[in-house]
Protein backbone atom coordinates (compact mmCIF):
# COMPACT_ATOMS: atom_id res chain seq x y z
CA MET A 1 4.12 106.27 -25.91
CA ASN A 2 2.99 103.03 -28.14
CA TYR A 3 6.23 100.36 -28.72
CA SER A 4 5.51 97.79 -31.54
CA THR A 5 8.04 94.83 -31.94
CA PHE A 6 7.42 92.40 -34.88
CA TYR A 7 9.29 89.25 -33.97
CA PHE A 8 10.56 85.69 -35.29
CA SER A 9 11.27 82.85 -32.92
CA GLY A 10 12.15 79.63 -34.13
CA THR A 11 11.94 77.23 -31.21
CA GLY A 12 11.11 79.99 -28.67
CA ASN A 13 13.90 81.90 -27.34
CA THR A 14 12.98 85.30 -29.45
CA ARG A 15 9.40 84.81 -28.50
CA TRP A 16 10.09 84.68 -25.02
CA ALA A 17 12.50 87.89 -25.30
CA ALA A 18 9.88 90.31 -27.19
CA SER A 19 6.99 88.91 -24.84
CA GLU A 20 9.46 89.58 -21.70
CA PHE A 21 9.77 93.11 -23.48
CA THR A 22 6.13 93.86 -24.15
CA LYS A 23 5.14 92.93 -20.70
CA ILE A 24 7.98 95.56 -19.54
CA ILE A 25 6.83 98.03 -21.29
CA GLN A 26 3.43 97.87 -20.35
CA GLU A 27 4.21 97.38 -16.60
CA LYS A 28 6.11 100.64 -16.85
CA GLY A 29 2.34 102.18 -18.26
CA HIS A 30 3.03 102.44 -21.99
CA GLN A 31 1.35 100.81 -25.03
CA ALA A 32 3.28 97.52 -26.29
CA GLY A 33 2.23 95.66 -29.42
CA LEU A 34 3.72 91.98 -30.50
CA TYR A 35 3.85 91.04 -34.22
CA ALA A 36 4.47 87.56 -35.25
CA ILE A 37 6.01 87.59 -38.86
CA ASP A 38 5.44 83.80 -39.62
CA ILE A 39 3.49 83.06 -42.56
CA GLY A 40 0.43 82.06 -40.69
CA ALA A 41 -0.07 85.20 -39.33
CA GLN A 42 -0.99 86.76 -42.33
CA LEU A 43 0.32 90.17 -41.87
CA SER A 44 -0.81 92.37 -44.90
CA ASP A 45 0.95 95.22 -46.36
CA GLU A 46 -2.05 97.68 -44.85
CA GLN A 47 -1.34 96.26 -41.37
CA ILE A 48 2.32 96.79 -41.31
CA ARG A 49 1.93 100.05 -42.54
CA LEU A 50 -0.81 100.88 -40.20
CA ILE A 51 1.48 99.55 -37.08
CA VAL A 52 4.13 101.47 -37.93
CA ASN A 53 2.73 104.57 -38.70
CA ASP A 54 0.95 104.57 -35.10
CA ALA A 55 4.24 103.24 -33.13
CA ASP A 56 6.13 105.85 -31.45
CA SER A 57 9.44 103.16 -31.53
CA VAL A 58 9.35 100.26 -33.87
CA GLY A 59 11.64 96.94 -33.09
CA PHE A 60 12.63 93.75 -34.75
CA ALA A 61 13.16 90.76 -32.75
CA ASN A 62 14.57 87.33 -33.97
CA PRO A 63 17.65 84.85 -33.29
CA ILE A 64 20.89 84.96 -35.00
CA TYR A 65 21.94 81.81 -36.71
CA GLY A 66 25.94 81.70 -38.01
CA GLY A 67 26.43 85.03 -37.80
CA ASP A 68 23.52 86.66 -39.48
CA ILE A 69 19.82 86.83 -38.95
CA PRO A 70 17.37 84.08 -40.12
CA PRO A 71 16.19 84.85 -44.20
CA ILE A 72 12.74 85.34 -42.80
CA MET A 73 13.21 88.44 -41.02
CA ARG A 74 15.75 89.78 -43.63
CA THR A 75 12.94 89.45 -45.97
CA PHE A 76 10.47 91.15 -43.77
CA ILE A 77 12.34 94.03 -43.11
CA SER A 78 13.27 94.38 -46.61
CA ARG A 79 9.68 94.50 -46.92
CA VAL A 80 8.63 97.14 -44.05
CA VAL A 81 11.27 99.51 -45.62
CA GLY A 82 9.67 99.39 -49.08
CA LEU A 83 6.00 99.84 -47.21
CA ILE A 84 7.07 102.53 -45.63
CA LYS A 85 9.38 105.24 -47.35
CA ALA A 86 6.87 107.96 -47.09
CA LEU A 87 7.56 108.06 -43.91
CA THR A 88 7.73 111.91 -43.56
CA ARG A 89 9.60 111.89 -40.32
CA PRO A 90 12.12 109.65 -38.47
CA LYS A 91 11.22 107.08 -36.40
CA SER A 92 12.74 105.50 -33.72
CA THR A 93 13.71 101.30 -34.25
CA TYR A 94 14.83 99.40 -31.42
CA VAL A 95 16.33 95.36 -32.23
CA ILE A 96 16.27 92.54 -29.84
CA ASN A 97 18.74 89.94 -30.86
CA THR A 98 18.62 86.50 -28.89
CA TYR A 99 21.81 84.02 -29.24
CA GLY A 100 23.26 80.99 -27.96
CA TYR A 101 27.39 81.52 -28.35
CA VAL A 102 27.58 84.99 -29.69
CA ASN A 103 26.31 87.62 -31.71
CA ALA A 104 28.19 88.54 -34.53
CA PHE A 105 25.74 90.34 -36.58
CA GLY A 106 25.97 93.64 -34.95
CA PRO A 107 24.45 97.17 -35.42
CA VAL A 108 26.13 97.90 -38.61
CA GLU A 109 24.61 95.54 -40.69
CA THR A 110 21.48 96.30 -39.33
CA GLN A 111 21.68 99.58 -40.48
CA LYS A 112 22.41 98.59 -43.98
CA LEU A 113 18.95 96.82 -44.05
CA LEU A 114 17.20 99.86 -42.76
CA ALA A 115 18.65 101.82 -45.28
CA GLY A 116 16.79 103.76 -47.61
CA SER A 117 13.89 104.19 -44.78
CA ASN A 118 13.38 106.73 -42.00
CA LEU A 119 13.66 104.04 -39.91
CA GLU A 120 16.30 105.34 -37.15
CA LEU A 121 18.41 102.30 -35.03
CA SER A 122 18.17 104.14 -31.64
CA ALA A 123 18.89 100.81 -29.66
CA TYR A 124 20.44 97.09 -30.05
CA VAL A 125 20.69 94.68 -27.81
CA ASN A 126 21.90 91.09 -27.57
CA ILE A 127 20.35 88.54 -25.12
CA GLN A 128 22.29 85.41 -24.77
CA LEU A 129 19.88 82.44 -23.90
CA CYS A 130 20.76 78.50 -25.46
CA HIS A 131 21.25 77.27 -29.05
CA ASN A 132 18.01 75.08 -29.99
CA VAL A 133 19.52 71.88 -31.18
CA THR A 134 19.95 69.56 -28.10
CA SER A 135 21.81 66.60 -29.75
CA SER A 136 25.15 66.93 -28.44
CA LYS A 137 24.45 67.19 -24.92
CA PRO A 138 20.85 68.15 -22.88
CA LEU A 139 19.91 71.82 -22.22
CA ASP A 140 21.43 73.20 -18.69
CA ARG A 141 18.28 74.64 -17.33
CA ALA A 142 20.12 76.16 -14.39
CA LYS A 143 22.46 77.91 -16.85
CA LEU A 144 19.68 79.20 -18.83
CA ALA A 145 17.69 80.49 -15.91
CA LYS A 146 20.65 82.35 -14.89
CA ARG A 147 20.66 84.11 -18.19
CA MET A 148 17.23 84.51 -18.58
CA GLY A 149 17.75 86.87 -15.69
CA ARG A 150 20.50 88.70 -17.14
CA GLY A 151 18.31 88.75 -19.93
CA ARG A 152 15.31 90.11 -17.99
CA ASP A 153 17.78 93.12 -16.73
CA GLU A 154 18.74 93.88 -20.12
CA LEU A 155 15.56 94.18 -21.69
CA ASN A 156 14.30 96.29 -18.74
CA GLY A 157 17.24 99.02 -19.13
CA LEU A 158 16.28 99.01 -23.12
CA ALA A 159 12.80 99.67 -22.32
CA ASP A 160 13.87 102.44 -19.70
CA CYS A 161 16.30 103.80 -22.69
CA LEU A 162 13.54 104.06 -25.30
CA ILE A 163 11.25 105.74 -23.29
CA ALA A 164 13.78 108.48 -22.17
CA GLY A 165 14.47 108.71 -25.70
CA HIS A 166 18.54 107.63 -24.92
CA LYS A 167 20.10 105.30 -27.35
CA ARG A 168 21.35 101.99 -26.29
CA ILE A 169 23.24 100.39 -29.37
CA ASN A 170 24.98 97.60 -28.17
CA GLY A 171 26.67 94.84 -30.19
CA TYR A 172 30.31 96.40 -31.25
CA GLY A 173 33.44 94.21 -30.91
CA PRO A 174 36.07 92.10 -32.41
CA GLN A 175 33.57 89.32 -32.78
CA LEU A 176 31.82 91.39 -35.62
CA LYS A 177 34.73 90.46 -38.17
CA ILE A 178 34.69 87.19 -37.14
CA GLY A 179 30.89 87.37 -38.46
CA ALA A 180 31.58 88.96 -41.49
CA MET A 181 34.30 85.72 -42.07
CA ILE A 182 31.10 83.19 -40.82
CA ARG A 183 28.31 84.86 -43.04
CA LYS A 184 30.13 84.14 -46.07
CA LYS A 185 30.61 80.81 -45.21
CA VAL A 186 27.30 80.00 -43.82
CA THR A 187 25.39 81.59 -45.85
CA VAL A 188 24.91 79.05 -48.49
CA THR A 189 24.55 76.58 -45.52
CA ILE A 190 21.39 77.90 -44.07
CA ASN A 191 19.90 78.78 -47.53
CA ASP A 192 20.41 75.15 -48.73
CA PHE A 193 19.30 73.40 -45.07
CA TYR A 194 16.26 72.26 -46.36
CA GLN A 195 17.99 69.66 -48.38
CA THR A 196 19.26 68.10 -45.35
CA LEU A 197 16.00 67.53 -43.48
CA GLY A 198 14.46 64.08 -43.94
CA VAL A 199 11.15 62.15 -41.74
CA ASP A 200 11.68 58.97 -40.60
CA TYR A 201 8.71 57.40 -41.38
CA THR A 202 9.05 54.72 -38.87
CA ALA A 203 8.61 56.97 -35.95
CA CYS A 204 6.14 59.71 -37.82
CA THR A 205 2.56 59.36 -37.34
CA GLY A 206 1.37 61.68 -39.36
CA CYS A 207 0.06 64.21 -37.17
CA MET A 208 1.09 67.15 -39.57
CA VAL A 209 2.76 69.49 -36.36
CA CYS A 210 5.60 70.17 -38.83
CA VAL A 211 3.39 71.19 -41.39
CA LYS A 212 0.86 73.35 -39.57
CA ASN A 213 3.78 75.02 -37.44
CA CYS A 214 6.45 75.74 -40.31
CA PRO A 215 7.16 79.68 -40.24
CA THR A 216 7.57 79.71 -44.04
CA GLY A 217 5.08 77.06 -45.24
CA SER A 218 8.06 74.77 -46.55
CA ILE A 219 7.13 71.51 -45.63
CA ARG A 220 4.21 69.83 -47.90
CA LEU A 221 2.69 66.34 -47.77
CA TYR A 222 2.71 64.89 -51.61
CA GLY A 223 0.99 61.30 -51.33
CA ASP A 224 2.80 59.98 -48.26
CA LYS A 225 5.75 61.49 -48.19
CA PHE A 226 7.04 64.72 -46.62
CA VAL A 227 8.62 67.66 -48.90
CA PHE A 228 11.24 70.46 -47.73
CA ALA A 229 11.48 73.30 -49.96
CA ALA A 230 13.91 76.14 -50.33
CA VAL A 231 11.74 78.44 -48.78
CA CYS A 232 12.72 76.99 -45.25
CA THR A 233 14.58 79.48 -42.96
CA ALA A 234 16.87 76.84 -40.89
CA CYS A 235 14.92 77.63 -37.49
CA LYS A 236 14.37 73.77 -36.77
CA ARG A 237 10.96 74.13 -35.45
CA CYS A 238 10.23 71.02 -37.35
CA TYR A 239 13.16 69.03 -35.78
CA ASN A 240 11.91 70.40 -32.30
CA PHE A 241 8.25 70.07 -32.11
CA CYS A 242 7.68 67.12 -33.85
CA PRO A 243 5.86 64.67 -30.96
CA THR A 244 7.49 61.48 -31.69
CA GLY A 245 11.06 62.87 -32.89
CA ALA A 246 10.87 61.51 -36.27
CA ILE A 247 12.44 65.21 -38.18
CA THR A 248 15.99 63.96 -38.99
CA ILE A 249 19.13 66.40 -40.03
CA ASN A 250 21.49 64.83 -42.74
CA GLY A 251 19.83 61.75 -42.11
CA VAL A 252 20.32 61.33 -38.19
CA VAL A 253 18.03 61.78 -35.36
CA ALA A 254 18.74 61.76 -31.57
CA ASP A 255 16.89 60.07 -29.22
CA PRO A 256 14.17 62.39 -28.01
CA HIS A 257 13.90 60.44 -24.41
CA LYS A 258 17.99 61.00 -24.43
CA PHE A 259 17.83 64.56 -25.63
CA PRO A 260 14.80 66.37 -25.08
CA ARG A 261 13.91 68.79 -27.79
CA PHE A 262 14.09 72.23 -27.15
CA GLN A 263 11.06 73.86 -27.18
CA GLY A 264 11.33 77.29 -25.56
CA PRO A 265 13.17 79.00 -22.42
CA GLU A 266 10.25 77.75 -20.36
CA GLU A 267 8.90 74.64 -19.51
């Protein structure tokens, strides 16, 4: 069996979960492919078609932002659905969501995104790790380690169900009603997030890490100033991976020595 996972990870949580799942599948004696959807990955339409056609089951993995999936993944799923309408038979589809507080998106919203394709949702799992902004309080690594352990168990259960051909759809609950309200309020905030980003030029060294690592190519250097564009997906990767902590949010930057930036669940 062949399992192919398309993933987006802002600063590391989903990358860890998708990588763990891939490793678990391989340890169980099956094939597994892992594909980043960042602009830098440059997946062509033909590559996407081949990956989907060759897979026995197709997965999408992403973090949850404000009760919704990031714009970059929403756009990518729409692209995939448009590319594979010619599928002659249903194909098993699984979703891996990572979140910090609660996942208020849910399998029903996912099924809406897959409508019009032969991708049938057979598994939906939630992996709680942590949020990716540590400017309010330092990251609790001990708590995160426990959540990673539970996450591995959930991913192992996901793999077993997919291999056995069983459904494993979690994520239903009262939080979904809250999610519907959150999405109405937060969608605009996420879409306009790029307007809150800035640069502390007294700390910036011009290393271009933010430009090179941006998953949507939304950061550009014009002359001696950085400009943030509307294609930003609000992942905060630029904030967390700036070597000098020079990226600001609403003009504020937390002391990187007091509040180390989150760069993934594993140090």
